[in-house]
Protein backbone atom coordinates (compact mmCIF):
# COMPACT_ATOMS: atom_id res chain seq x y z
CA MET A 1 73.18 259.54 -9.14
CA THR A 2 73.73 257.88 -12.50
CA THR A 3 70.93 256.65 -14.71
CA GLN A 4 72.14 253.08 -14.24
CA GLN A 5 71.88 253.44 -10.46
CA LEU A 6 68.32 254.69 -10.85
CA ILE A 7 67.43 251.74 -13.09
CA ALA A 8 68.95 249.35 -10.54
CA GLN A 9 66.73 250.80 -7.81
CA ILE A 10 63.65 250.45 -10.00
CA ARG A 11 64.47 246.79 -10.57
CA LYS A 12 65.28 246.16 -6.91
CA LYS A 13 62.12 247.77 -5.53
CA GLN A 14 59.89 246.76 -8.45
CA SER A 15 58.71 250.35 -8.44
CA PHE A 16 59.10 253.49 -10.51
CA LEU A 17 57.10 255.59 -8.08
CA CYS A 18 58.02 259.19 -7.39
CA ILE A 19 56.32 260.83 -4.41
CA GLY A 20 55.73 264.55 -4.62
CA LEU A 21 56.36 266.39 -1.37
CA ASP A 22 54.03 269.33 -2.07
CA THR A 23 53.71 270.08 1.62
CA ASP A 24 51.08 272.66 2.52
CA LEU A 25 50.53 273.79 6.12
CA GLU A 26 46.83 274.16 5.37
CA LYS A 27 46.54 270.48 4.44
CA ILE A 28 48.82 268.61 6.84
CA PRO A 29 47.35 267.03 10.00
CA PRO A 30 46.61 269.78 12.56
CA HIS A 31 48.57 268.10 15.36
CA LEU A 32 51.80 268.67 13.41
CA LEU A 33 51.36 272.44 13.60
CA ARG A 34 52.60 272.21 17.20
CA GLU A 35 55.98 270.96 15.96
CA GLU A 36 58.95 273.32 15.78
CA ASP A 37 59.19 272.69 12.02
CA PRO A 38 55.82 271.30 10.82
CA LEU A 39 56.90 271.06 7.15
CA PHE A 40 59.92 268.92 7.95
CA ALA A 41 58.06 266.86 10.57
CA PHE A 42 55.44 265.98 7.95
CA ASN A 43 58.04 265.20 5.27
CA LYS A 44 60.13 263.04 7.60
CA ALA A 45 57.10 260.99 8.61
CA ILE A 46 56.09 260.49 4.97
CA ILE A 47 59.64 259.49 3.99
CA ASP A 48 60.00 257.08 6.92
CA ALA A 49 56.72 255.39 5.96
CA THR A 50 57.19 255.20 2.17
CA HIS A 51 60.91 255.10 1.27
CA HIS A 52 60.85 251.34 0.61
CA LEU A 53 58.01 251.76 -1.91
CA CYS A 54 59.37 254.53 -4.12
CA VAL A 55 62.56 255.37 -6.01
CA ALA A 56 62.24 259.17 -6.02
CA TYR A 57 60.94 262.13 -4.07
CA LYS A 58 60.00 265.44 -5.69
CA PRO A 59 59.59 268.48 -3.44
CA ASN A 60 57.90 271.32 -5.31
CA THR A 61 59.94 274.32 -4.18
CA ALA A 62 56.97 276.71 -4.31
CA PHE A 63 55.48 275.01 -1.26
CA TYR A 64 58.63 275.90 0.70
CA GLU A 65 59.39 279.31 -0.78
CA ALA A 66 55.86 280.37 0.22
CA TYR A 67 56.91 280.23 3.88
CA GLY A 68 60.06 282.32 3.50
CA ILE A 69 63.28 281.38 5.25
CA LYS A 70 61.55 278.80 7.48
CA GLY A 71 60.19 277.03 4.42
CA TRP A 72 63.57 277.03 2.72
CA GLN A 73 65.17 275.62 5.89
CA ALA A 74 62.56 272.86 5.92
CA LEU A 75 63.48 272.03 2.32
CA GLU A 76 67.17 271.94 3.25
CA LYS A 77 66.47 269.60 6.16
CA THR A 78 64.29 267.37 3.98
CA ILE A 79 66.92 266.86 1.27
CA ALA A 80 69.70 266.46 3.87
CA TYR A 81 67.63 263.79 5.64
CA LEU A 82 67.09 261.94 2.36
CA ASN A 83 70.73 262.14 1.28
CA LYS A 84 71.95 260.90 4.66
CA ASN A 85 69.44 258.13 5.29
CA HIS A 86 68.35 257.07 1.79
CA PRO A 87 71.13 258.02 -0.64
CA GLU A 88 69.86 255.43 -3.12
CA ILE A 89 66.69 257.47 -3.70
CA PHE A 90 66.58 259.88 -6.65
CA THR A 91 65.73 263.45 -5.65
CA ILE A 92 64.02 266.03 -7.85
CA ALA A 93 63.85 269.75 -7.17
CA ASP A 94 60.62 270.69 -8.89
CA ALA A 95 61.65 274.32 -9.32
CA LYS A 96 60.86 274.92 -13.03
CA ARG A 97 63.80 277.29 -13.42
CA GLY A 98 65.03 278.67 -16.74
CA ASP A 99 67.25 281.66 -17.44
CA ILE A 100 70.32 282.37 -19.52
CA GLY A 101 74.03 281.97 -18.92
CA ASN A 102 75.47 282.64 -15.50
CA THR A 103 72.01 282.88 -13.92
CA SER A 104 71.29 279.26 -14.88
CA THR A 105 74.70 278.26 -13.56
CA ARG A 106 73.81 279.82 -10.20
CA TYR A 107 70.47 278.05 -10.12
CA ALA A 108 72.27 274.79 -10.88
CA LYS A 109 74.81 275.36 -8.10
CA ALA A 110 71.99 276.12 -5.68
CA PHE A 111 70.14 272.87 -6.33
CA PHE A 112 72.98 270.50 -7.25
CA GLU A 113 75.80 271.67 -4.97
CA GLU A 114 74.29 273.64 -2.10
CA LEU A 115 71.16 271.52 -1.57
CA GLY A 116 72.41 268.26 -3.09
CA PHE A 117 69.52 267.34 -5.37
CA ASP A 118 70.04 264.79 -8.15
CA SER A 119 67.90 266.70 -10.62
CA VAL A 120 65.91 269.86 -11.24
CA THR A 121 62.97 270.68 -13.52
CA ILE A 122 63.64 273.33 -16.17
CA ALA A 123 61.40 275.40 -18.46
CA PRO A 124 62.99 275.32 -21.95
CA TYR A 125 61.35 278.47 -23.36
CA MET A 126 64.61 280.47 -23.39
CA GLY A 127 66.45 277.76 -25.29
CA LYS A 128 69.91 276.25 -25.41
CA ASP A 129 71.86 278.74 -23.31
CA SER A 130 69.31 278.46 -20.50
CA VAL A 131 69.57 274.65 -20.35
CA GLU A 132 73.20 273.73 -21.03
CA PRO A 133 74.55 275.26 -17.78
CA PHE A 134 72.50 272.65 -15.88
CA LEU A 135 73.70 269.85 -18.15
CA ALA A 136 77.33 270.64 -17.35
CA PHE A 137 77.07 269.02 -13.90
CA GLU A 138 78.28 265.40 -13.91
CA ASN A 139 75.79 262.76 -12.76
CA LYS A 140 73.10 265.40 -12.30
CA HIS A 141 69.94 265.43 -14.40
CA THR A 142 68.00 268.23 -16.06
CA ILE A 143 64.30 267.52 -16.47
CA LEU A 144 62.81 269.60 -19.29
CA LEU A 145 59.14 270.48 -19.37
CA ALA A 146 57.95 268.93 -22.62
CA LEU A 147 54.21 268.19 -22.53
CA THR A 148 52.65 269.02 -19.20
CA SER A 149 49.46 267.68 -17.61
CA ASN A 150 47.64 270.98 -17.05
CA GLU A 151 44.77 272.29 -19.18
CA GLY A 152 46.81 275.31 -20.33
CA ALA A 153 49.37 273.01 -21.98
CA TYR A 154 47.28 273.33 -25.16
CA ASP A 155 47.85 277.10 -25.26
CA PHE A 156 51.36 276.65 -26.66
CA GLN A 157 52.80 273.15 -26.35
CA THR A 158 50.73 271.51 -29.09
CA LEU A 159 50.84 274.38 -31.60
CA SER A 160 52.30 273.49 -34.99
CA VAL A 161 55.80 274.81 -35.80
CA ASN A 162 56.95 273.93 -39.32
CA GLY A 163 55.05 270.66 -39.23
CA ASP A 164 55.96 269.68 -35.66
CA ALA A 165 54.04 270.35 -32.50
CA LEU A 166 56.02 272.77 -30.34
CA TYR A 167 56.68 270.09 -27.70
CA GLU A 168 58.11 267.85 -30.46
CA LYS A 169 60.36 270.72 -31.53
CA VAL A 170 61.54 271.06 -27.93
CA LEU A 171 62.35 267.35 -27.76
CA LYS A 172 64.22 267.25 -31.07
CA THR A 173 66.18 270.43 -30.40
CA SER A 174 67.16 269.34 -26.90
CA LEU A 175 68.93 266.29 -28.32
CA THR A 176 71.47 268.65 -29.94
CA TYR A 177 72.46 270.23 -26.60
CA LYS A 178 75.86 269.52 -25.08
CA ASN A 179 75.62 266.70 -22.52
CA ALA A 180 72.09 265.87 -23.69
CA HIS A 181 72.55 262.41 -22.13
CA ASN A 182 71.79 264.13 -18.79
CA LEU A 183 68.30 265.13 -19.94
CA MET A 184 65.00 263.78 -18.72
CA TYR A 185 61.57 265.08 -19.70
CA VAL A 186 58.24 265.93 -18.09
CA VAL A 187 55.27 264.37 -19.88
CA GLY A 188 51.89 264.47 -18.12
CA ALA A 189 49.94 261.29 -17.51
CA THR A 190 46.85 263.04 -18.82
CA LYS A 191 48.64 263.16 -22.20
CA ALA A 192 49.41 259.41 -22.25
CA SER A 193 48.23 258.95 -25.85
CA TYR A 194 51.05 261.27 -26.97
CA LEU A 195 53.69 259.05 -25.42
CA GLY A 196 53.98 256.76 -28.46
CA ASP A 197 55.04 259.67 -30.68
CA ILE A 198 57.29 261.04 -27.95
CA ARG A 199 59.08 257.69 -27.69
CA LYS A 200 59.83 257.84 -31.42
CA ILE A 201 61.83 261.02 -30.75
CA ILE A 202 63.42 260.06 -27.43
CA PRO A 203 63.31 256.26 -27.27
CA HIS A 204 65.90 255.98 -24.51
CA GLY A 205 65.26 258.97 -22.23
CA PHE A 206 63.61 258.93 -18.82
CA LEU A 207 60.20 260.55 -18.49
CA LEU A 208 58.89 262.15 -15.31
CA VAL A 209 55.15 261.61 -15.49
CA PRO A 210 52.90 263.62 -13.15
CA GLY A 211 49.13 263.40 -13.17
CA VAL A 212 48.48 259.81 -12.04
CA GLY A 213 45.98 259.77 -9.19
CA ALA A 214 44.41 263.10 -8.23
CA GLN A 215 44.62 264.44 -11.82
CA GLY A 216 43.10 261.29 -13.31
CA GLY A 217 45.96 259.91 -15.38
CA SER A 218 46.05 256.16 -16.12
CA LEU A 219 49.12 254.22 -14.99
CA LYS A 220 48.32 251.39 -17.40
CA GLU A 221 48.19 253.76 -20.38
CA VAL A 222 51.40 255.49 -19.33
CA CYS A 223 53.18 252.13 -19.17
CA HIS A 224 51.69 250.92 -22.45
CA TYR A 225 52.86 253.93 -24.43
CA GLY A 226 55.86 255.10 -22.43
CA MET A 227 57.85 252.19 -21.03
CA ASN A 228 61.14 251.29 -22.72
CA HIS A 229 63.79 248.60 -22.22
CA ASP A 230 65.27 250.58 -19.27
CA ILE A 231 61.75 251.20 -17.90
CA GLY A 232 62.32 254.89 -18.60
CA LEU A 233 59.53 256.14 -16.34
CA LEU A 234 59.22 257.95 -13.04
CA VAL A 235 55.51 258.22 -12.29
CA ASN A 236 54.70 260.89 -9.74
CA SER A 237 51.86 261.03 -7.27
CA SER A 238 51.64 263.83 -4.74
CA ARG A 239 48.26 264.68 -3.19
CA GLY A 240 46.87 261.18 -3.70
CA ILE A 241 49.54 259.80 -1.36
CA ILE A 242 50.67 262.45 1.11
CA TYR A 243 47.17 263.72 1.95
CA ALA A 244 45.49 260.33 2.27
CA SER A 245 44.62 261.23 5.87
CA LYS A 246 44.65 264.34 8.08
CA ASN A 247 44.66 262.30 11.27
CA GLN A 248 47.39 260.76 13.45
CA ASP A 249 47.57 257.85 11.00
CA PHE A 250 48.54 260.08 8.04
CA ALA A 251 51.89 258.38 7.42
CA LEU A 252 50.38 254.90 7.56
CA LYS A 253 47.62 255.89 5.13
CA ALA A 254 50.21 257.46 2.82
CA ALA A 255 52.15 254.20 2.85
CA GLU A 256 49.00 252.27 1.99
CA LYS A 257 48.33 254.51 -1.02
CA ALA A 258 51.97 254.28 -2.10
CA GLU A 259 51.88 250.50 -1.83
CA GLU A 260 48.76 250.36 -4.00
CA LEU A 261 50.66 252.14 -6.78
CA GLN A 262 53.84 250.14 -6.20
CA LEU A 263 51.96 246.85 -6.57
CA GLN A 264 50.38 248.08 -9.80
CA MET A 265 53.84 249.07 -11.03
CA LYS A 266 55.25 245.67 -10.11
CA ALA A 267 52.52 244.02 -12.18
CA GLU A 268 53.29 246.31 -15.12
CA LEU A 269 57.01 245.50 -14.89
CA ILE A 270 56.32 241.76 -14.82
CA ALA A 271 53.97 242.06 -17.80
CA PHE A 272 56.53 244.12 -19.73
CA ASP A 273 59.34 241.66 -19.02
CA ASN A 274 57.14 238.80 -20.25
CA LEU A 275 56.42 240.40 -23.61
């Protein structure tokens, strides 16, 4: 998917919502455990109920890898179902990979070619030769971890390096990578006040913003500091949507939570366009 296609979907749906499919057998409704593939059954129901309200889905691969081959098969079925039935929706493999050379190329082939994701999250710690193999894939996107929403982000990401915070160094350096136009960046909603400075470095890039909802991030603040002329935001909510209910009505309740966010996003888009 191209960036322009993603922007068109945001405009059409009046939404920049990304739904995280962090599917945990210990948290899904108990009646689904009788299904042949409970992970996929849950995901399919969530997708069927919410696809008109969001522009992206983000399965976190750890929640599938934890169940071995059956979990990986559920992930394969989930992405295949999305690509067949909702090809307009942007898909993110939240895998946080990062290794050098041919290893990164193999990771990229796994997620971009074998599974058919539009994008994958990457840890930039190993630098240029761990990122550029992902960037070589046409119309695929590499989402670098820049400033994350967790408490431990302050251990390293905000440390000063020759006058820049480390996350700022990551942003500036990444712009020199080959095919840097295929980059997106993770910036946590709980770090919304940093977004103004981040936009000075990457004014045009898309930001994947987790942390709205269960982690307490503010959508209004994220939009105020982070929105650009192309919108430039994918705001993720996972637990706050998919686990809205553990009963038979779980998909309906998930849709209600997704619609709440979508309506807030629509209002933010209208306000931004009227500036």
